[in-house]
Amino acid sequence: MSFNPVNLAKRSPHKKKELRFFKNASNEEIFTRIYELNKWGVAATRSGKGSNLDRIVELRRQLPLSLHRVIP
């Protein structure tokens, strides 16, 4: 099952207004709507599953090392 808000709107007849919004809105407007309404449905973060702290542990560990190489 997909958790993509646009795909969910397509499957729900009562969500036609929302689907029209997604089709006509800018990327910024779409992202803002998804974020503000927590459309991804993830309690820990409004930015989606990939943004949970447990998913970014390695990134948080590696980022300072990578930045140190780029910005001495």
PDB file of N, CA and C in Angstrom:
ATOM      1  N   MET A   1       0.841  -1.178   0.000  1.00  0.00           N
ATOM      2  CA  MET A   1       0.000   0.000   0.000  1.00  0.00           C
ATOM      3  C   MET A   1       0.888   1.243   0.000  1.00  0.00           C
ATOM      4  N   SER A   2       0.598   2.187  -0.858  1.00  0.00           N
ATOM      5  CA  SER A   2       1.369   3.407  -0.965  1.00  0.00           C
ATOM      6  C   SER A   2       0.858   4.452   0.017  1.00  0.00           C
ATOM      7  N   PHE A   3       1.773   5.173   0.637  1.00  0.00           N
ATOM      8  CA  PHE A   3       1.394   6.250   1.541  1.00  0.00           C
ATOM      9  C   PHE A   3       1.561   7.608   0.885  1.00  0.00           C
ATOM     10  N   ASN A   4       1.754   7.628  -0.423  1.00  0.00           N
ATOM     11  CA  ASN A   4       1.892   8.878  -1.158  1.00  0.00           C
ATOM     12  C   ASN A   4       0.561   9.612  -1.107  1.00  0.00           C
ATOM     13  N   PRO A   5       0.532  10.846  -0.572  1.00  0.00           N
ATOM     14  CA  PRO A   5      -0.740  11.570  -0.436  1.00  0.00           C
ATOM     15  C   PRO A   5      -1.491  11.758  -1.751  1.00  0.00           C
ATOM     16  N   VAL A   6      -0.779  11.950  -2.845  1.00  0.00           N
ATOM     17  CA  VAL A   6      -1.453  12.111  -4.135  1.00  0.00           C
ATOM     18  C   VAL A   6      -2.148  10.815  -4.524  1.00  0.00           C
ATOM     19  N   ASN A   7      -1.473   9.676  -4.350  1.00  0.00           N
ATOM     20  CA  ASN A   7      -2.084   8.382  -4.673  1.00  0.00           C
ATOM     21  C   ASN A   7      -3.278   8.094  -3.767  1.00  0.00           C
ATOM     22  N   LEU A   8      -3.174   8.471  -2.497  1.00  0.00           N
ATOM     23  CA  LEU A   8      -4.305   8.264  -1.592  1.00  0.00           C
ATOM     24  C   LEU A   8      -5.502   9.096  -2.026  1.00  0.00           C
ATOM     25  N   ALA A   9      -5.263  10.329  -2.455  1.00  0.00           N
ATOM     26  CA  ALA A   9      -6.358  11.188  -2.914  1.00  0.00           C
ATOM     27  C   ALA A   9      -7.020  10.604  -4.154  1.00  0.00           C
ATOM     28  N   LYS A  10      -6.244   9.997  -5.036  1.00  0.00           N
ATOM     29  CA  LYS A  10      -6.796   9.403  -6.258  1.00  0.00           C
ATOM     30  C   LYS A  10      -7.748   8.256  -5.936  1.00  0.00           C
ATOM     31  N   ARG A  11      -7.478   7.521  -4.856  1.00  0.00           N
ATOM     32  CA  ARG A  11      -8.289   6.358  -4.519  1.00  0.00           C
ATOM     33  C   ARG A  11      -9.543   6.714  -3.732  1.00  0.00           C
ATOM     34  N   SER A  12      -9.631   7.929  -3.244  1.00  0.00           N
ATOM     35  CA  SER A  12     -10.758   8.328  -2.405  1.00  0.00           C
ATOM     36  C   SER A  12     -11.663   9.296  -3.161  1.00  0.00           C
ATOM     37  N   PRO A  13     -12.848   8.863  -3.549  1.00  0.00           N
ATOM     38  CA  PRO A  13     -13.755   9.735  -4.302  1.00  0.00           C
ATOM     39  C   PRO A  13     -14.078  11.037  -3.583  1.00  0.00           C
ATOM     40  N   HIS A  14     -14.173  11.014  -2.256  1.00  0.00           N
ATOM     41  CA  HIS A  14     -14.502  12.226  -1.503  1.00  0.00           C
ATOM     42  C   HIS A  14     -13.313  13.189  -1.402  1.00  0.00           C
ATOM     43  N   LYS A  15     -12.186  12.815  -1.982  1.00  0.00           N
ATOM     44  CA  LYS A  15     -11.001  13.662  -1.927  1.00  0.00           C
ATOM     45  C   LYS A  15     -10.729  14.355  -3.264  1.00  0.00           C
ATOM     46  N   LYS A  16     -11.740  14.472  -4.112  1.00  0.00           N
ATOM     47  CA  LYS A  16     -11.542  15.085  -5.429  1.00  0.00           C
ATOM     48  C   LYS A  16     -11.010  16.517  -5.313  1.00  0.00           C
ATOM     49  N   LYS A  17     -11.503  17.257  -4.335  1.00  0.00           N
ATOM     50  CA  LYS A  17     -11.039  18.634  -4.143  1.00  0.00           C
ATOM     51  C   LYS A  17      -9.543  18.655  -3.832  1.00  0.00           C
ATOM     52  N   GLU A  18      -9.119  17.743  -2.989  1.00  0.00           N
ATOM     53  CA  GLU A  18      -7.699  17.665  -2.645  1.00  0.00           C
ATOM     54  C   GLU A  18      -6.864  17.261  -3.855  1.00  0.00           C
ATOM     55  N   LEU A  19      -7.368  16.342  -4.654  1.00  0.00           N
ATOM     56  CA  LEU A  19      -6.647  15.919  -5.850  1.00  0.00           C
ATOM     57  C   LEU A  19      -6.493  17.092  -6.816  1.00  0.00           C
ATOM     58  N   ARG A  20      -7.552  17.881  -6.969  1.00  0.00           N
ATOM     59  CA  ARG A  20      -7.460  19.074  -7.824  1.00  0.00           C
ATOM     60  C   ARG A  20      -6.380  20.012  -7.302  1.00  0.00           C
ATOM     61  N   PHE A  21      -6.320  20.151  -5.982  1.00  0.00           N
ATOM     62  CA  PHE A  21      -5.280  20.994  -5.388  1.00  0.00           C
ATOM     63  C   PHE A  21      -3.897  20.476  -5.765  1.00  0.00           C
ATOM     64  N   PHE A  22      -3.674  19.163  -5.592  1.00  0.00           N
ATOM     65  CA  PHE A  22      -2.366  18.586  -5.902  1.00  0.00           C
ATOM     66  C   PHE A  22      -2.011  18.755  -7.373  1.00  0.00           C
ATOM     67  N   LYS A  23      -2.979  18.685  -8.246  1.00  0.00           N
ATOM     68  CA  LYS A  23      -2.711  18.825  -9.674  1.00  0.00           C
ATOM     69  C   LYS A  23      -2.363  20.259 -10.058  1.00  0.00           C
ATOM     70  N   ASN A  24      -2.953  21.231  -9.369  1.00  0.00           N
ATOM     71  CA  ASN A  24      -2.810  22.631  -9.768  1.00  0.00           C
ATOM     72  C   ASN A  24      -1.829  23.442  -8.929  1.00  0.00           C
ATOM     73  N   ALA A  25      -1.406  22.922  -7.813  1.00  0.00           N
ATOM     74  CA  ALA A  25      -0.548  23.680  -6.898  1.00  0.00           C
ATOM     75  C   ALA A  25       0.921  23.566  -7.292  1.00  0.00           C
ATOM     76  N   SER A  26       1.685  24.526  -6.822  1.00  0.00           N
ATOM     77  CA  SER A  26       3.138  24.480  -7.023  1.00  0.00           C
ATOM     78  C   SER A  26       3.731  23.420  -6.093  1.00  0.00           C
ATOM     79  N   ASN A  27       4.971  23.043  -6.352  1.00  0.00           N
ATOM     80  CA  ASN A  27       5.637  22.069  -5.479  1.00  0.00           C
ATOM     81  C   ASN A  27       5.702  22.583  -4.045  1.00  0.00           C
ATOM     82  N   GLU A  28       5.957  23.881  -3.887  1.00  0.00           N
ATOM     83  CA  GLU A  28       6.031  24.455  -2.552  1.00  0.00           C
ATOM     84  C   GLU A  28       4.680  24.367  -1.834  1.00  0.00           C
ATOM     85  N   GLU A  29       3.604  24.664  -2.546  1.00  0.00           N
ATOM     86  CA  GLU A  29       2.266  24.592  -1.949  1.00  0.00           C
ATOM     87  C   GLU A  29       1.917  23.154  -1.566  1.00  0.00           C
ATOM     88  N   ILE A  30       2.272  22.222  -2.422  1.00  0.00           N
ATOM     89  CA  ILE A  30       2.002  20.804  -2.144  1.00  0.00           C
ATOM     90  C   ILE A  30       2.774  20.355  -0.911  1.00  0.00           C
ATOM     91  N   PHE A  31       4.066  20.661  -0.872  1.00  0.00           N
ATOM     92  CA  PHE A  31       4.879  20.255   0.270  1.00  0.00           C
ATOM     93  C   PHE A  31       4.338  20.877   1.557  1.00  0.00           C
ATOM     94  N   THR A  32       3.991  22.164   1.493  1.00  0.00           N
ATOM     95  CA  THR A  32       3.468  22.845   2.679  1.00  0.00           C
ATOM     96  C   THR A  32       2.190  22.179   3.169  1.00  0.00           C
ATOM     97  N   ARG A  33       1.284  21.847   2.259  1.00  0.00           N
ATOM     98  CA  ARG A  33       0.019  21.182   2.638  1.00  0.00           C
ATOM     99  C   ARG A  33       0.307  19.832   3.271  1.00  0.00           C
ATOM    100  N   ILE A  34       1.169  19.038   2.639  1.00  0.00           N
ATOM    101  CA  ILE A  34       1.513  17.714   3.176  1.00  0.00           C
ATOM    102  C   ILE A  34       2.131  17.852   4.562  1.00  0.00           C
ATOM    103  N   TYR A  35       3.038  18.817   4.711  1.00  0.00           N
ATOM    104  CA  TYR A  35       3.714  19.019   5.991  1.00  0.00           C
ATOM    105  C   TYR A  35       2.734  19.478   7.071  1.00  0.00           C
ATOM    106  N   GLU A  36       1.955  20.518   6.761  1.00  0.00           N
ATOM    107  CA  GLU A  36       1.055  21.088   7.766  1.00  0.00           C
ATOM    108  C   GLU A  36      -0.013  20.106   8.230  1.00  0.00           C
ATOM    109  N   LEU A  37      -0.503  19.283   7.319  1.00  0.00           N
ATOM    110  CA  LEU A  37      -1.549  18.322   7.680  1.00  0.00           C
ATOM    111  C   LEU A  37      -0.990  16.956   8.067  1.00  0.00           C
ATOM    112  N   ASN A  38       0.329  16.839   8.088  1.00  0.00           N
ATOM    113  CA  ASN A  38       1.011  15.573   8.402  1.00  0.00           C
ATOM    114  C   ASN A  38       0.429  14.433   7.570  1.00  0.00           C
ATOM    115  N   LYS A  39       0.344  14.661   6.255  1.00  0.00           N
ATOM    116  CA  LYS A  39      -0.252  13.678   5.343  1.00  0.00           C
ATOM    117  C   LYS A  39       0.503  12.352   5.307  1.00  0.00           C
ATOM    118  N   TRP A  40       1.788  12.365   5.672  1.00  0.00           N
ATOM    119  CA  TRP A  40       2.537  11.103   5.661  1.00  0.00           C
ATOM    120  C   TRP A  40       2.120  10.224   6.827  1.00  0.00           C
ATOM    121  N   GLY A  41       1.499  10.829   7.849  1.00  0.00           N
ATOM    122  CA  GLY A  41       0.989  10.052   8.972  1.00  0.00           C
ATOM    123  C   GLY A  41       2.048   9.511   9.906  1.00  0.00           C
ATOM    124  N   VAL A  42       3.195  10.158   9.961  1.00  0.00           N
ATOM    125  CA  VAL A  42       4.272   9.708  10.837  1.00  0.00           C
ATOM    126  C   VAL A  42       4.290  10.610  12.063  1.00  0.00           C
ATOM    127  N   ALA A  43       4.123  10.028  13.239  1.00  0.00           N
ATOM    128  CA  ALA A  43       4.021  10.817  14.459  1.00  0.00           C
ATOM    129  C   ALA A  43       5.324  11.535  14.809  1.00  0.00           C
ATOM    130  N   ALA A  44       6.457  10.900  14.561  1.00  0.00           N
ATOM    131  CA  ALA A  44       7.743  11.469  14.972  1.00  0.00           C
ATOM    132  C   ALA A  44       8.188  12.648  14.116  1.00  0.00           C
ATOM    133  N   THR A  45       7.737  12.714  12.871  1.00  0.00           N
ATOM    134  CA  THR A  45       8.151  13.793  11.980  1.00  0.00           C
ATOM    135  C   THR A  45       7.087  14.023  10.928  1.00  0.00           C
ATOM    136  N   ARG A  46       6.940  15.244  10.500  1.00  0.00           N
ATOM    137  CA  ARG A  46       5.982  15.556   9.443  1.00  0.00           C
ATOM    138  C   ARG A  46       6.616  15.451   8.064  1.00  0.00           C
ATOM    139  N   SER A  47       7.887  15.131   8.020  1.00  0.00           N
ATOM    140  CA  SER A  47       8.607  15.096   6.749  1.00  0.00           C
ATOM    141  C   SER A  47       8.626  13.714   6.099  1.00  0.00           C
ATOM    142  N   GLY A  48       8.025  12.734   6.699  1.00  0.00           N
ATOM    143  CA  GLY A  48       7.951  11.396   6.113  1.00  0.00           C
ATOM    144  C   GLY A  48       8.819  10.383   6.828  1.00  0.00           C
ATOM    145  N   LYS A  49       8.632   9.127   6.461  1.00  0.00           N
ATOM    146  CA  LYS A  49       9.313   8.015   7.136  1.00  0.00           C
ATOM    147  C   LYS A  49      10.831   8.115   7.098  1.00  0.00           C
ATOM    148  N   GLY A  50      11.382   8.598   5.992  1.00  0.00           N
ATOM    149  CA  GLY A  50      12.837   8.673   5.846  1.00  0.00           C
ATOM    150  C   GLY A  50      13.490   9.702   6.738  1.00  0.00           C
ATOM    151  N   SER A  51      12.701  10.506   7.436  1.00  0.00           N
ATOM    152  CA  SER A  51      13.243  11.555   8.290  1.00  0.00           C
ATOM    153  C   SER A  51      13.230  11.192   9.770  1.00  0.00           C
ATOM    154  N   ASN A  52      12.787  10.002  10.109  1.00  0.00           N
ATOM    155  CA  ASN A  52      12.810   9.579  11.512  1.00  0.00           C
ATOM    156  C   ASN A  52      14.250   9.521  11.996  1.00  0.00           C
ATOM    157  N   LEU A  53      14.455   9.854  13.267  1.00  0.00           N
ATOM    158  CA  LEU A  53      15.818   9.869  13.804  1.00  0.00           C
ATOM    159  C   LEU A  53      16.535   8.537  13.629  1.00  0.00           C
ATOM    160  N   ASP A  54      15.830   7.430  13.809  1.00  0.00           N
ATOM    161  CA  ASP A  54      16.488   6.137  13.660  1.00  0.00           C
ATOM    162  C   ASP A  54      16.916   5.867  12.217  1.00  0.00           C
ATOM    163  N   ARG A  55      16.308   6.546  11.249  1.00  0.00           N
ATOM    164  CA  ARG A  55      16.666   6.360   9.834  1.00  0.00           C
ATOM    165  C   ARG A  55      17.858   7.219   9.423  1.00  0.00           C
ATOM    166  N   ILE A  56      18.178   8.255  10.224  1.00  0.00           N
ATOM    167  CA  ILE A  56      19.254   9.159   9.830  1.00  0.00           C
ATOM    168  C   ILE A  56      20.460   9.118  10.762  1.00  0.00           C
ATOM    169  N   VAL A  57      20.546   8.091  11.571  1.00  0.00           N
ATOM    170  CA  VAL A  57      21.661   7.967  12.516  1.00  0.00           C
ATOM    171  C   VAL A  57      22.997   8.011  11.778  1.00  0.00           C
ATOM    172  N   GLU A  58      23.127   7.233  10.736  1.00  0.00           N
ATOM    173  CA  GLU A  58      24.389   7.186  10.000  1.00  0.00           C
ATOM    174  C   GLU A  58      24.684   8.520   9.322  1.00  0.00           C
ATOM    175  N   LEU A  59      23.667   9.144   8.769  1.00  0.00           N
ATOM    176  CA  LEU A  59      23.845  10.455   8.151  1.00  0.00           C
ATOM    177  C   LEU A  59      24.352  11.464   9.183  1.00  0.00           C
ATOM    178  N   ARG A  60      23.762  11.464  10.356  1.00  0.00           N
ATOM    179  CA  ARG A  60      24.184  12.402  11.398  1.00  0.00           C
ATOM    180  C   ARG A  60      25.611  12.124  11.855  1.00  0.00           C
ATOM    181  N   ARG A  61      26.025  10.893  11.785  1.00  0.00           N
ATOM    182  CA  ARG A  61      27.391  10.545  12.171  1.00  0.00           C
ATOM    183  C   ARG A  61      28.381  10.990  11.096  1.00  0.00           C
ATOM    184  N   GLN A  62      28.025  10.778   9.822  1.00  0.00           N
ATOM    185  CA  GLN A  62      28.924  11.059   8.712  1.00  0.00           C
ATOM    186  C   GLN A  62      28.960  12.523   8.287  1.00  0.00           C
ATOM    187  N   LEU A  63      27.894  13.256   8.483  1.00  0.00           N
ATOM    188  CA  LEU A  63      27.807  14.625   7.981  1.00  0.00           C
ATOM    189  C   LEU A  63      28.927  15.542   8.488  1.00  0.00           C
ATOM    190  N   PRO A  64      29.213  15.586   9.773  1.00  0.00           N
ATOM    191  CA  PRO A  64      30.313  16.456  10.219  1.00  0.00           C
ATOM    192  C   PRO A  64      31.652  16.087   9.586  1.00  0.00           C
ATOM    193  N   LEU A  65      31.903  14.791   9.422  1.00  0.00           N
ATOM    194  CA  LEU A  65      33.158  14.357   8.794  1.00  0.00           C
ATOM    195  C   LEU A  65      33.226  14.823   7.340  1.00  0.00           C
ATOM    196  N   SER A  66      32.107  14.686   6.631  1.00  0.00           N
ATOM    197  CA  SER A  66      32.056  15.105   5.228  1.00  0.00           C
ATOM    198  C   SER A  66      32.205  16.615   5.101  1.00  0.00           C
ATOM    199  N   LEU A  67      31.527  17.354   5.950  1.00  0.00           N
ATOM    200  CA  LEU A  67      31.635  18.811   5.905  1.00  0.00           C
ATOM    201  C   LEU A  67      33.036  19.278   6.230  1.00  0.00           C
ATOM    202  N   HIS A  68      33.690  18.594   7.150  1.00  0.00           N
ATOM    203  CA  HIS A  68      35.069  18.956   7.509  1.00  0.00           C
ATOM    204  C   HIS A  68      36.003  18.792   6.319  1.00  0.00           C
ATOM    205  N   ARG A  69      35.744  17.809   5.483  1.00  0.00           N
ATOM    206  CA  ARG A  69      36.565  17.612   4.273  1.00  0.00           C
ATOM    207  C   ARG A  69      36.331  18.713   3.257  1.00  0.00           C
ATOM    208  N   VAL A  70      35.094  19.179   3.148  1.00  0.00           N
ATOM    209  CA  VAL A  70      34.736  20.194   2.169  1.00  0.00           C
ATOM    210  C   VAL A  70      35.058  21.593   2.671  1.00  0.00           C
ATOM    211  N   ILE A  71      34.799  21.833   3.949  1.00  0.00           N
ATOM    212  CA  ILE A  71      35.033  23.146   4.551  1.00  0.00           C
ATOM    213  C   ILE A  71      36.102  22.974   5.631  1.00  0.00           C
ATOM    214  N   PRO A  72      37.353  23.157   5.261  1.00  0.00           N
ATOM    215  CA  PRO A  72      38.444  22.928   6.239  1.00  0.00           C
ATOM    216  C   PRO A  72      38.436  23.919   7.385  1.00  0.00           C
TER     217      PRO A  72
END
